[in-house]
Amino acid sequence: MSDPRAGREVEVEVDVDGTPEAGQEATAEGAGLWSEAWRDLRRNPLFVLPVLVIALFTVVAFFPQWFTDLGPRSCDLARSADPPQAGHWLGFDRQGCDLYARTVFSTRASLLIALIVTVSAFVIAVILGSVAGYVGRWVDTLAARLADIVFGIPLIVGALVVLNVVADRGLLQVSGALLLFTWPPMFRLMRSTVLSVRETEYVQAARALGASNLRIIVRHVVPNALAPVIAYATVLMGVIISAEATITFLGAGLQLPALSWGVLLSTPPRTELLNTPHLLFPAVPVALTVLSFVLAGDALRDALDPKLR
C-alpha cells in the first residue's frame, strides 16, 4: 500500500484476529519522526539551553535545601525590606525574610501548578479530541461547541472570576480554575490532527478489515496525532506559570502561608516597589522559566513538523 506521507511502498500485515497490523507501519514512521526530531533537537541550542534551565528549576523545586541554608519562614521584622547586603544578596522582603531563600522555596508551587494544569489539559484533550475527531457526528458537535464557549473567555479574566468566589484559594483550587480555561485550545488542536489522521490509508485499511473503533483510536490514531499536542503542552507550561503569577499578583491566586513566585510579587505594596526594586526579583525566575518553555516548545514544534523537513 502506498503511504502518501512517506512517498514509499508499505505493506499491511494481518494478525490472527483478522485485524490489520497497519499500526506497525504507522508506528515505524512515527518512531522515525521522533528519532529524527531528537537528532535535530540535540544540536539545536534553542532547545538544549532552555531544557537545561528547566532542569535546573526542577531540581530547585524538589531540593530547595541544596541551594540555601535559610528557611522560608525564618524572618526578622527589624530587617523589613532591607536592601541587598553581604550574605543576603537579594535583600529582605516586607516580613524581614531572606528574599533569595523564599524565591527558592517558592519554585515548587509555581512549577507544580503548571504541571497539574498541563497534564490534566493534555489528558482531556487527547481523550475528548480523539473521540470527537474520529467518531464525529453529535459527539464532535457537542464537544466542539463546548470548547468554543470556554475558548471565548480570556484565561486571566475567567480565572479571576472563578477564584474570587472561592474562599480557600490553595494549590488545587488555583490549578482547577486555570484548567477550566486552558483545555479548549489543546482539545481543538488534537481534534484537528485526528481529523487528518483518520483519513490516512492505514486507518482506512484497519477499518475495512474489521478493527474496532477503540483499537483504531488507541493503536493508529492517537500515536500519530500526539506530536503537535506535545509541542503545545510544552509552551502551555510557561503560559500557566505566567498566569498563576499574574492572578496571584492581582490578589486572586494563592494565599499566604502558601509560597509561590506570584505570592512573593503580590506581597509588597505597589506604592513601595519603586523605592524597593529588589522586591521584584521573583519576576526573574518567572521570566526565565516562561521563556525556556516557550523556546523549547517552539523547537519541538519545528522538529516534529514533517512539512519543515
C-alpha atoms as a PDB file:
ATOM      1  CA  MET A   1       0.000   0.000   0.000  1.00  0.00           C
ATOM      2  CA  SER A   2       1.310   3.452  -0.869  1.00  0.00           C
ATOM      3  CA  ASP A   3       1.852   5.828   2.023  1.00  0.00           C
ATOM      4  CA  PRO A   4       1.339   9.357   0.631  1.00  0.00           C
ATOM      5  CA  ARG A   5       3.183  10.995   3.524  1.00  0.00           C
ATOM      6  CA  ALA A   6       6.351   8.947   3.201  1.00  0.00           C
ATOM      7  CA  GLY A   7       6.372   8.517  -0.555  1.00  0.00           C
ATOM      8  CA  ARG A   8       7.204   4.800  -0.392  1.00  0.00           C
ATOM      9  CA  GLU A   9       5.574   1.432  -0.649  1.00  0.00           C
ATOM     10  CA  VAL A  10       4.497  -0.245   2.593  1.00  0.00           C
ATOM     11  CA  GLU A  11       2.850  -3.493   3.468  1.00  0.00           C
ATOM     12  CA  VAL A  12      -0.101  -4.086   5.752  1.00  0.00           C
ATOM     13  CA  GLU A  13       0.048  -7.320   7.711  1.00  0.00           C
ATOM     14  CA  VAL A  14      -2.947  -9.021   9.268  1.00  0.00           C
ATOM     15  CA  ASP A  15      -2.690 -10.666  12.667  1.00  0.00           C
ATOM     16  CA  VAL A  16      -4.525 -13.769  13.846  1.00  0.00           C
ATOM     17  CA  ASP A  17      -7.718 -11.980  14.885  1.00  0.00           C
ATOM     18  CA  GLY A  18      -8.230 -10.640  11.370  1.00  0.00           C
ATOM     19  CA  THR A  19      -7.329  -7.035  12.103  1.00  0.00           C
ATOM     20  CA  PRO A  20      -4.582  -5.250  10.204  1.00  0.00           C
ATOM     21  CA  GLU A  21      -1.167  -4.615  11.577  1.00  0.00           C
ATOM     22  CA  ALA A  22      -1.004  -1.349   9.690  1.00  0.00           C
ATOM     23  CA  GLY A  23      -0.122   0.153  13.019  1.00  0.00           C
ATOM     24  CA  GLN A  24       3.331  -1.380  12.557  1.00  0.00           C
ATOM     25  CA  GLU A  25       3.779   0.846   9.523  1.00  0.00           C
ATOM     26  CA  ALA A  26       2.405   3.893  11.334  1.00  0.00           C
ATOM     27  CA  THR A  27       4.414   3.135  14.458  1.00  0.00           C
ATOM     28  CA  ALA A  28       7.616   2.724  12.468  1.00  0.00           C
ATOM     29  CA  GLU A  29       7.041   6.010  10.691  1.00  0.00           C
ATOM     30  CA  GLY A  30       6.178   7.711  13.977  1.00  0.00           C
ATOM     31  CA  ALA A  31       9.308   6.285  15.589  1.00  0.00           C
ATOM     32  CA  GLY A  32      11.331   7.566  12.650  1.00  0.00           C
ATOM     33  CA  LEU A  33       9.873  11.038  13.061  1.00  0.00           C
ATOM     34  CA  TRP A  34      10.703  11.101  16.764  1.00  0.00           C
ATOM     35  CA  SER A  35      14.239   9.768  16.223  1.00  0.00           C
ATOM     36  CA  GLU A  36      14.920  12.392  13.543  1.00  0.00           C
ATOM     37  CA  ALA A  37      13.407  15.079  15.759  1.00  0.00           C
ATOM     38  CA  TRP A  38      15.583  14.058  18.704  1.00  0.00           C
ATOM     39  CA  ARG A  39      18.671  14.108  16.483  1.00  0.00           C
ATOM     40  CA  ASP A  40      17.873  17.658  15.385  1.00  0.00           C
ATOM     41  CA  LEU A  41      16.914  18.842  18.866  1.00  0.00           C
ATOM     42  CA  ARG A  42      20.189  17.700  20.405  1.00  0.00           C
ATOM     43  CA  ARG A  43      22.005  20.002  18.004  1.00  0.00           C
ATOM     44  CA  ASN A  44      19.694  22.964  18.494  1.00  0.00           C
ATOM     45  CA  PRO A  45      20.932  25.401  21.167  1.00  0.00           C
ATOM     46  CA  LEU A  46      17.468  26.974  21.295  1.00  0.00           C
ATOM     47  CA  PHE A  47      16.246  23.648  22.650  1.00  0.00           C
ATOM     48  CA  VAL A  48      19.217  22.464  24.704  1.00  0.00           C
ATOM     49  CA  LEU A  49      19.696  25.684  26.695  1.00  0.00           C
ATOM     50  CA  PRO A  50      16.001  26.074  27.660  1.00  0.00           C
ATOM     51  CA  VAL A  51      15.856  22.415  28.691  1.00  0.00           C
ATOM     52  CA  LEU A  52      18.903  22.919  30.933  1.00  0.00           C
ATOM     53  CA  VAL A  53      17.220  25.936  32.552  1.00  0.00           C
ATOM     54  CA  ILE A  54      14.010  23.943  33.066  1.00  0.00           C
ATOM     55  CA  ALA A  55      16.020  21.067  34.555  1.00  0.00           C
ATOM     56  CA  LEU A  56      17.743  23.476  36.944  1.00  0.00           C
ATOM     57  CA  PHE A  57      14.465  24.918  38.216  1.00  0.00           C
ATOM     58  CA  THR A  58      13.053  21.390  38.552  1.00  0.00           C
ATOM     59  CA  VAL A  59      15.972  20.439  40.806  1.00  0.00           C
ATOM     60  CA  VAL A  60      15.444  23.646  42.796  1.00  0.00           C
ATOM     61  CA  ALA A  61      11.757  22.758  43.225  1.00  0.00           C
ATOM     62  CA  PHE A  62      12.452  19.268  44.554  1.00  0.00           C
ATOM     63  CA  PHE A  63      15.597  20.021  46.567  1.00  0.00           C
ATOM     64  CA  PRO A  64      15.456  23.676  47.679  1.00  0.00           C
ATOM     65  CA  GLN A  65      17.683  22.955  50.670  1.00  0.00           C
ATOM     66  CA  TRP A  66      20.561  22.333  48.257  1.00  0.00           C
ATOM     67  CA  PHE A  67      20.510  25.997  47.246  1.00  0.00           C
ATOM     68  CA  THR A  68      20.055  27.823  50.557  1.00  0.00           C
ATOM     69  CA  ASP A  69      20.778  27.240  54.222  1.00  0.00           C
ATOM     70  CA  LEU A  70      17.972  29.557  55.312  1.00  0.00           C
ATOM     71  CA  GLY A  71      14.344  28.591  55.783  1.00  0.00           C
ATOM     72  CA  PRO A  72      11.464  30.423  54.080  1.00  0.00           C
ATOM     73  CA  ARG A  73       9.797  31.153  57.463  1.00  0.00           C
ATOM     74  CA  SER A  74      12.910  32.468  59.221  1.00  0.00           C
ATOM     75  CA  CYS A  75      12.126  36.186  59.354  1.00  0.00           C
ATOM     76  CA  ASP A  76      13.098  39.271  61.335  1.00  0.00           C
ATOM     77  CA  LEU A  77      10.767  42.276  61.068  1.00  0.00           C
ATOM     78  CA  ALA A  78      13.645  44.535  62.031  1.00  0.00           C
ATOM     79  CA  ARG A  79      15.060  43.812  58.544  1.00  0.00           C
ATOM     80  CA  SER A  80      11.808  44.539  56.703  1.00  0.00           C
ATOM     81  CA  ALA A  81      12.514  45.480  53.054  1.00  0.00           C
ATOM     82  CA  ASP A  82      16.254  45.911  53.765  1.00  0.00           C
ATOM     83  CA  PRO A  83      18.307  46.148  50.567  1.00  0.00           C
ATOM     84  CA  PRO A  84      20.817  43.500  49.441  1.00  0.00           C
ATOM     85  CA  GLN A  85      23.835  43.061  51.696  1.00  0.00           C
ATOM     86  CA  ALA A  86      26.631  40.604  52.378  1.00  0.00           C
ATOM     87  CA  GLY A  87      25.204  37.136  52.965  1.00  0.00           C
ATOM     88  CA  HIS A  88      21.783  38.239  51.743  1.00  0.00           C
ATOM     89  CA  TRP A  89      22.428  39.145  48.129  1.00  0.00           C
ATOM     90  CA  LEU A  90      18.785  39.796  47.237  1.00  0.00           C
ATOM     91  CA  GLY A  91      17.840  41.612  50.418  1.00  0.00           C
ATOM     92  CA  PHE A  92      14.741  41.039  52.534  1.00  0.00           C
ATOM     93  CA  ASP A  93      11.017  41.186  51.861  1.00  0.00           C
ATOM     94  CA  ARG A  94       8.390  43.104  53.833  1.00  0.00           C
ATOM     95  CA  GLN A  95       8.272  40.403  56.533  1.00  0.00           C
ATOM     96  CA  GLY A  96      12.033  40.550  57.001  1.00  0.00           C
ATOM     97  CA  CYS A  97      12.574  37.154  55.311  1.00  0.00           C
ATOM     98  CA  ASP A  98      15.559  36.476  53.079  1.00  0.00           C
ATOM     99  CA  LEU A  99      14.179  37.044  49.577  1.00  0.00           C
ATOM    100  CA  TYR A 100      16.517  34.584  47.889  1.00  0.00           C
ATOM    101  CA  ALA A 101      15.507  31.778  50.258  1.00  0.00           C
ATOM    102  CA  ARG A 102      11.794  32.499  49.775  1.00  0.00           C
ATOM    103  CA  THR A 103      12.247  32.591  45.997  1.00  0.00           C
ATOM    104  CA  VAL A 104      13.959  29.207  46.069  1.00  0.00           C
ATOM    105  CA  PHE A 105      11.240  27.626  48.203  1.00  0.00           C
ATOM    106  CA  SER A 106       8.510  29.200  46.036  1.00  0.00           C
ATOM    107  CA  THR A 107       9.694  27.357  42.936  1.00  0.00           C
ATOM    108  CA  ARG A 108       7.877  24.114  43.809  1.00  0.00           C
ATOM    109  CA  ALA A 109       4.360  25.575  43.961  1.00  0.00           C
ATOM    110  CA  SER A 110       4.735  27.545  40.729  1.00  0.00           C
ATOM    111  CA  LEU A 111       6.034  24.556  38.757  1.00  0.00           C
ATOM    112  CA  LEU A 112       3.586  22.145  40.382  1.00  0.00           C
ATOM    113  CA  ILE A 113       0.572  24.241  39.391  1.00  0.00           C
ATOM    114  CA  ALA A 114       1.859  24.413  35.824  1.00  0.00           C
ATOM    115  CA  LEU A 115       2.418  20.647  35.771  1.00  0.00           C
ATOM    116  CA  ILE A 116      -1.017  19.800  37.194  1.00  0.00           C
ATOM    117  CA  VAL A 117      -2.833  22.069  34.746  1.00  0.00           C
ATOM    118  CA  THR A 118      -0.821  20.994  31.703  1.00  0.00           C
ATOM    119  CA  VAL A 119      -1.060  17.253  32.361  1.00  0.00           C
ATOM    120  CA  SER A 120      -4.780  17.487  33.107  1.00  0.00           C
ATOM    121  CA  ALA A 121      -5.441  19.549  29.971  1.00  0.00           C
ATOM    122  CA  PHE A 122      -3.348  17.094  27.944  1.00  0.00           C
ATOM    123  CA  VAL A 123      -5.360  14.097  29.163  1.00  0.00           C
ATOM    124  CA  ILE A 124      -8.676  15.865  28.480  1.00  0.00           C
ATOM    125  CA  ALA A 125      -7.532  16.960  25.029  1.00  0.00           C
ATOM    126  CA  VAL A 126      -6.224  13.532  23.997  1.00  0.00           C
ATOM    127  CA  ILE A 127      -9.309  11.613  25.154  1.00  0.00           C
ATOM    128  CA  LEU A 128     -12.001  14.088  24.122  1.00  0.00           C
ATOM    129  CA  GLY A 129     -10.228  15.228  20.965  1.00  0.00           C
ATOM    130  CA  SER A 130      -9.606  11.660  19.775  1.00  0.00           C
ATOM    131  CA  VAL A 131     -13.199  10.572  20.306  1.00  0.00           C
ATOM    132  CA  ALA A 132     -14.716  13.761  18.861  1.00  0.00           C
ATOM    133  CA  GLY A 133     -12.396  13.837  15.862  1.00  0.00           C
ATOM    134  CA  TYR A 134     -12.713  10.149  14.967  1.00  0.00           C
ATOM    135  CA  VAL A 135     -16.369   9.457  15.794  1.00  0.00           C
ATOM    136  CA  GLY A 136     -17.726  12.792  14.578  1.00  0.00           C
ATOM    137  CA  ARG A 137     -21.482  13.367  14.408  1.00  0.00           C
ATOM    138  CA  TRP A 138     -23.204  14.692  17.560  1.00  0.00           C
ATOM    139  CA  VAL A 139     -20.235  13.819  19.779  1.00  0.00           C
ATOM    140  CA  ASP A 140     -17.980  16.117  17.776  1.00  0.00           C
ATOM    141  CA  THR A 141     -20.597  18.847  17.574  1.00  0.00           C
ATOM    142  CA  LEU A 142     -21.253  18.848  21.325  1.00  0.00           C
ATOM    143  CA  ALA A 143     -17.565  18.788  22.306  1.00  0.00           C
ATOM    144  CA  ALA A 144     -16.606  21.444  19.750  1.00  0.00           C
ATOM    145  CA  ARG A 145     -19.378  23.832  20.805  1.00  0.00           C
ATOM    146  CA  LEU A 146     -18.466  23.433  24.489  1.00  0.00           C
ATOM    147  CA  ALA A 147     -14.824  24.143  23.685  1.00  0.00           C
ATOM    148  CA  ASP A 148     -15.816  27.209  21.642  1.00  0.00           C
ATOM    149  CA  ILE A 149     -17.808  28.623  24.546  1.00  0.00           C
ATOM    150  CA  VAL A 150     -14.953  28.231  27.032  1.00  0.00           C
ATOM    151  CA  PHE A 151     -12.373  29.352  24.465  1.00  0.00           C
ATOM    152  CA  GLY A 152     -14.168  32.693  24.153  1.00  0.00           C
ATOM    153  CA  ILE A 153     -13.390  33.554  27.789  1.00  0.00           C
ATOM    154  CA  PRO A 154      -9.891  35.033  28.335  1.00  0.00           C
ATOM    155  CA  LEU A 155      -7.769  32.894  30.648  1.00  0.00           C
ATOM    156  CA  ILE A 156      -6.868  35.587  33.189  1.00  0.00           C
ATOM    157  CA  VAL A 157     -10.371  37.092  33.310  1.00  0.00           C
ATOM    158  CA  GLY A 158     -12.047  33.706  33.680  1.00  0.00           C
ATOM    159  CA  ALA A 159      -9.655  32.538  36.389  1.00  0.00           C
ATOM    160  CA  LEU A 160     -10.081  35.797  38.310  1.00  0.00           C
ATOM    161  CA  VAL A 161     -13.874  35.468  38.248  1.00  0.00           C
ATOM    162  CA  VAL A 162     -13.799  31.856  39.439  1.00  0.00           C
ATOM    163  CA  LEU A 163     -11.198  32.384  42.160  1.00  0.00           C
ATOM    164  CA  ASN A 164     -12.894  35.494  43.516  1.00  0.00           C
ATOM    165  CA  VAL A 165     -15.858  33.363  44.580  1.00  0.00           C
ATOM    166  CA  VAL A 166     -13.642  30.690  46.193  1.00  0.00           C
ATOM    167  CA  ALA A 167     -12.932  31.212  49.878  1.00  0.00           C
ATOM    168  CA  ASP A 168      -9.899  28.939  50.247  1.00  0.00           C
ATOM    169  CA  ARG A 169      -7.537  29.501  47.322  1.00  0.00           C
ATOM    170  CA  GLY A 170      -4.988  26.744  47.624  1.00  0.00           C
ATOM    171  CA  LEU A 171      -2.894  24.930  45.063  1.00  0.00           C
ATOM    172  CA  LEU A 172      -5.702  22.668  43.844  1.00  0.00           C
ATOM    173  CA  GLN A 173      -8.227  25.493  43.618  1.00  0.00           C
ATOM    174  CA  VAL A 174      -5.890  27.682  41.561  1.00  0.00           C
ATOM    175  CA  SER A 175      -4.959  24.724  39.342  1.00  0.00           C
ATOM    176  CA  GLY A 176      -8.623  23.889  38.778  1.00  0.00           C
ATOM    177  CA  ALA A 177      -9.525  27.462  37.832  1.00  0.00           C
ATOM    178  CA  LEU A 178      -6.685  27.645  35.316  1.00  0.00           C
ATOM    179  CA  LEU A 179      -7.502  24.206  33.897  1.00  0.00           C
ATOM    180  CA  LEU A 180     -11.096  25.250  33.302  1.00  0.00           C
ATOM    181  CA  PHE A 181      -9.960  27.784  30.694  1.00  0.00           C
ATOM    182  CA  THR A 182      -6.850  26.120  29.211  1.00  0.00           C
ATOM    183  CA  TRP A 183      -8.073  22.780  27.844  1.00  0.00           C
ATOM    184  CA  PRO A 184     -10.043  24.067  24.779  1.00  0.00           C
ATOM    185  CA  PRO A 185      -7.049  25.134  22.611  1.00  0.00           C
ATOM    186  CA  MET A 186      -5.305  21.802  23.173  1.00  0.00           C
ATOM    187  CA  PHE A 187      -8.547  19.918  22.504  1.00  0.00           C
ATOM    188  CA  ARG A 188      -9.069  21.788  19.231  1.00  0.00           C
ATOM    189  CA  LEU A 189      -5.505  21.019  18.162  1.00  0.00           C
ATOM    190  CA  MET A 190      -5.890  17.307  18.952  1.00  0.00           C
ATOM    191  CA  ARG A 191      -9.263  17.158  17.212  1.00  0.00           C
ATOM    192  CA  SER A 192      -7.985  18.797  14.022  1.00  0.00           C
ATOM    193  CA  THR A 193      -4.982  16.458  13.920  1.00  0.00           C
ATOM    194  CA  VAL A 194      -7.195  13.403  14.421  1.00  0.00           C
ATOM    195  CA  LEU A 195      -9.462  14.584  11.588  1.00  0.00           C
ATOM    196  CA  SER A 196      -6.497  14.454   9.212  1.00  0.00           C
ATOM    197  CA  VAL A 197      -5.045  11.214  10.582  1.00  0.00           C
ATOM    198  CA  ARG A 198      -8.331   9.296  10.333  1.00  0.00           C
ATOM    199  CA  GLU A 199      -8.295   9.752   6.541  1.00  0.00           C
ATOM    200  CA  THR A 200      -4.895   8.105   6.064  1.00  0.00           C
ATOM    201  CA  GLU A 201      -4.696   4.792   4.234  1.00  0.00           C
ATOM    202  CA  TYR A 202      -3.524   2.719   7.173  1.00  0.00           C
ATOM    203  CA  VAL A 203      -6.531   3.846   9.239  1.00  0.00           C
ATOM    204  CA  GLN A 204      -8.886   3.097   6.351  1.00  0.00           C
ATOM    205  CA  ALA A 205      -7.284  -0.330   5.930  1.00  0.00           C
ATOM    206  CA  ALA A 206      -7.730  -1.085   9.632  1.00  0.00           C
ATOM    207  CA  ARG A 207     -11.370  -0.040   9.429  1.00  0.00           C
ATOM    208  CA  ALA A 208     -12.006  -2.128   6.286  1.00  0.00           C
ATOM    209  CA  LEU A 209     -10.534  -5.249   7.880  1.00  0.00           C
ATOM    210  CA  GLY A 210     -12.843  -5.007  10.891  1.00  0.00           C
ATOM    211  CA  ALA A 211     -10.763  -3.363  13.611  1.00  0.00           C
ATOM    212  CA  SER A 212     -12.887  -1.791  16.339  1.00  0.00           C
ATOM    213  CA  ASN A 213     -13.029   1.978  16.737  1.00  0.00           C
ATOM    214  CA  LEU A 214     -11.293   1.744  20.118  1.00  0.00           C
ATOM    215  CA  ARG A 215      -8.443  -0.314  18.649  1.00  0.00           C
ATOM    216  CA  ILE A 216      -8.005   2.090  15.739  1.00  0.00           C
ATOM    217  CA  ILE A 217      -8.008   5.145  18.009  1.00  0.00           C
ATOM    218  CA  VAL A 218      -5.566   3.682  20.540  1.00  0.00           C
ATOM    219  CA  ARG A 219      -3.162   1.945  18.146  1.00  0.00           C
ATOM    220  CA  HIS A 220      -3.268   4.031  14.988  1.00  0.00           C
ATOM    221  CA  VAL A 221      -4.820   7.457  15.515  1.00  0.00           C
ATOM    222  CA  VAL A 222      -3.534   8.729  18.857  1.00  0.00           C
ATOM    223  CA  PRO A 223       0.166   7.792  18.389  1.00  0.00           C
ATOM    224  CA  ASN A 224       0.231   9.668  15.071  1.00  0.00           C
ATOM    225  CA  ALA A 225      -1.616  12.738  16.344  1.00  0.00           C
ATOM    226  CA  LEU A 226       0.323  13.485  19.530  1.00  0.00           C
ATOM    227  CA  ALA A 227       3.324  15.382  18.173  1.00  0.00           C
ATOM    228  CA  PRO A 228       1.750  18.864  17.807  1.00  0.00           C
ATOM    229  CA  VAL A 229      -0.127  18.451  21.092  1.00  0.00           C
ATOM    230  CA  ILE A 230       3.088  17.649  22.974  1.00  0.00           C
ATOM    231  CA  ALA A 231       4.760  20.727  21.493  1.00  0.00           C
ATOM    232  CA  TYR A 232       1.804  22.889  22.517  1.00  0.00           C
ATOM    233  CA  ALA A 233       1.775  21.383  26.017  1.00  0.00           C
ATOM    234  CA  THR A 234       5.399  22.470  26.468  1.00  0.00           C
ATOM    235  CA  VAL A 235       4.506  26.062  25.641  1.00  0.00           C
ATOM    236  CA  LEU A 236       1.436  25.823  27.894  1.00  0.00           C
ATOM    237  CA  MET A 237       3.671  25.110  30.902  1.00  0.00           C
ATOM    238  CA  GLY A 238       5.176  28.559  30.512  1.00  0.00           C
ATOM    239  CA  VAL A 239       1.774  30.155  29.961  1.00  0.00           C
ATOM    240  CA  ILE A 240       0.436  28.668  33.207  1.00  0.00           C
ATOM    241  CA  ILE A 241       3.437  29.830  35.234  1.00  0.00           C
ATOM    242  CA  SER A 242       2.873  33.360  33.941  1.00  0.00           C
ATOM    243  CA  ALA A 243      -0.887  33.158  34.500  1.00  0.00           C
ATOM    244  CA  GLU A 244      -0.503  31.935  38.079  1.00  0.00           C
ATOM    245  CA  ALA A 245       1.907  34.754  38.883  1.00  0.00           C
ATOM    246  CA  THR A 246      -0.453  37.287  37.277  1.00  0.00           C
ATOM    247  CA  ILE A 247      -3.644  36.276  39.071  1.00  0.00           C
ATOM    248  CA  THR A 248      -1.808  35.988  42.386  1.00  0.00           C
ATOM    249  CA  PHE A 249      -0.260  39.433  41.867  1.00  0.00           C
ATOM    250  CA  LEU A 250      -3.792  40.718  41.277  1.00  0.00           C
ATOM    251  CA  GLY A 251      -4.881  39.238  44.607  1.00  0.00           C
ATOM    252  CA  ALA A 252      -6.956  36.266  43.451  1.00  0.00           C
ATOM    253  CA  GLY A 253      -4.400  33.453  43.451  1.00  0.00           C
ATOM    254  CA  LEU A 254      -2.578  31.573  46.167  1.00  0.00           C
ATOM    255  CA  GLN A 255      -2.781  32.966  49.670  1.00  0.00           C
ATOM    256  CA  LEU A 256      -0.214  33.092  52.465  1.00  0.00           C
ATOM    257  CA  PRO A 257       1.161  30.999  54.082  1.00  0.00           C
ATOM    258  CA  ALA A 258       1.469  29.307  50.674  1.00  0.00           C
ATOM    259  CA  LEU A 259       4.558  30.360  48.746  1.00  0.00           C
ATOM    260  CA  SER A 260       4.903  30.850  45.010  1.00  0.00           C
ATOM    261  CA  TRP A 261       6.601  33.383  42.793  1.00  0.00           C
ATOM    262  CA  GLY A 262       3.256  35.114  42.372  1.00  0.00           C
ATOM    263  CA  VAL A 263       2.775  35.337  46.139  1.00  0.00           C
ATOM    264  CA  LEU A 264       6.168  36.990  46.543  1.00  0.00           C
ATOM    265  CA  LEU A 265       5.358  39.519  43.836  1.00  0.00           C
ATOM    266  CA  SER A 266       1.964  40.323  45.354  1.00  0.00           C
ATOM    267  CA  THR A 267       3.230  40.839  48.919  1.00  0.00           C
ATOM    268  CA  PRO A 268       4.887  44.283  48.736  1.00  0.00           C
ATOM    269  CA  PRO A 269       2.563  47.298  48.410  1.00  0.00           C
ATOM    270  CA  ARG A 270       2.511  48.608  44.839  1.00  0.00           C
ATOM    271  CA  THR A 271       3.428  52.114  46.020  1.00  0.00           C
ATOM    272  CA  GLU A 272       6.715  50.919  47.546  1.00  0.00           C
ATOM    273  CA  LEU A 273       8.086  48.959  44.586  1.00  0.00           C
ATOM    274  CA  LEU A 274       9.899  51.979  43.158  1.00  0.00           C
ATOM    275  CA  ASN A 275      11.715  52.514  46.472  1.00  0.00           C
ATOM    276  CA  THR A 276      12.465  48.792  46.969  1.00  0.00           C
ATOM    277  CA  PRO A 277      13.082  47.409  43.458  1.00  0.00           C
ATOM    278  CA  HIS A 278      14.833  44.316  44.847  1.00  0.00           C
ATOM    279  CA  LEU A 279      11.400  43.017  45.877  1.00  0.00           C
ATOM    280  CA  LEU A 280      10.699  42.434  42.177  1.00  0.00           C
ATOM    281  CA  PHE A 281      13.414  39.774  41.922  1.00  0.00           C
ATOM    282  CA  PRO A 282      10.906  36.854  41.849  1.00  0.00           C
ATOM    283  CA  ALA A 283       9.880  38.145  38.416  1.00  0.00           C
ATOM    284  CA  VAL A 284      13.279  36.980  37.109  1.00  0.00           C
ATOM    285  CA  PRO A 285      12.673  33.215  37.549  1.00  0.00           C
ATOM    286  CA  VAL A 286       9.148  33.695  36.178  1.00  0.00           C
ATOM    287  CA  ALA A 287      10.555  35.281  33.032  1.00  0.00           C
ATOM    288  CA  LEU A 288      13.309  32.666  32.694  1.00  0.00           C
ATOM    289  CA  THR A 289      11.019  29.664  33.029  1.00  0.00           C
ATOM    290  CA  VAL A 290       8.338  31.092  30.745  1.00  0.00           C
ATOM    291  CA  LEU A 291      10.929  31.925  28.089  1.00  0.00           C
ATOM    292  CA  SER A 292      12.525  28.487  28.426  1.00  0.00           C
ATOM    293  CA  PHE A 293       9.249  26.607  27.991  1.00  0.00           C
ATOM    294  CA  VAL A 294       8.243  28.763  25.027  1.00  0.00           C
ATOM    295  CA  LEU A 295      11.596  28.287  23.284  1.00  0.00           C
ATOM    296  CA  ALA A 296      11.595  24.541  23.965  1.00  0.00           C
ATOM    297  CA  GLY A 297       8.018  24.244  22.684  1.00  0.00           C
ATOM    298  CA  ASP A 298       8.829  26.173  19.521  1.00  0.00           C
ATOM    299  CA  ALA A 299      11.859  23.953  18.883  1.00  0.00           C
ATOM    300  CA  LEU A 300       9.746  20.831  19.436  1.00  0.00           C
ATOM    301  CA  ARG A 301       7.080  22.102  17.057  1.00  0.00           C
ATOM    302  CA  ASP A 302       9.623  22.792  14.320  1.00  0.00           C
ATOM    303  CA  ALA A 303      11.364  19.440  14.788  1.00  0.00           C
ATOM    304  CA  LEU A 304       8.113  17.448  14.739  1.00  0.00           C
ATOM    305  CA  ASP A 305       6.571  19.192  11.745  1.00  0.00           C
ATOM    306  CA  PRO A 306       7.090  16.989   8.642  1.00  0.00           C
ATOM    307  CA  LYS A 307       6.424  19.986   6.387  1.00  0.00           C
ATOM    308  CA  LEU A 308       9.637  21.609   7.600  1.00  0.00           C
ATOM    309  CA  ARG A 309      11.795  18.593   6.715  1.00  0.00           C
END
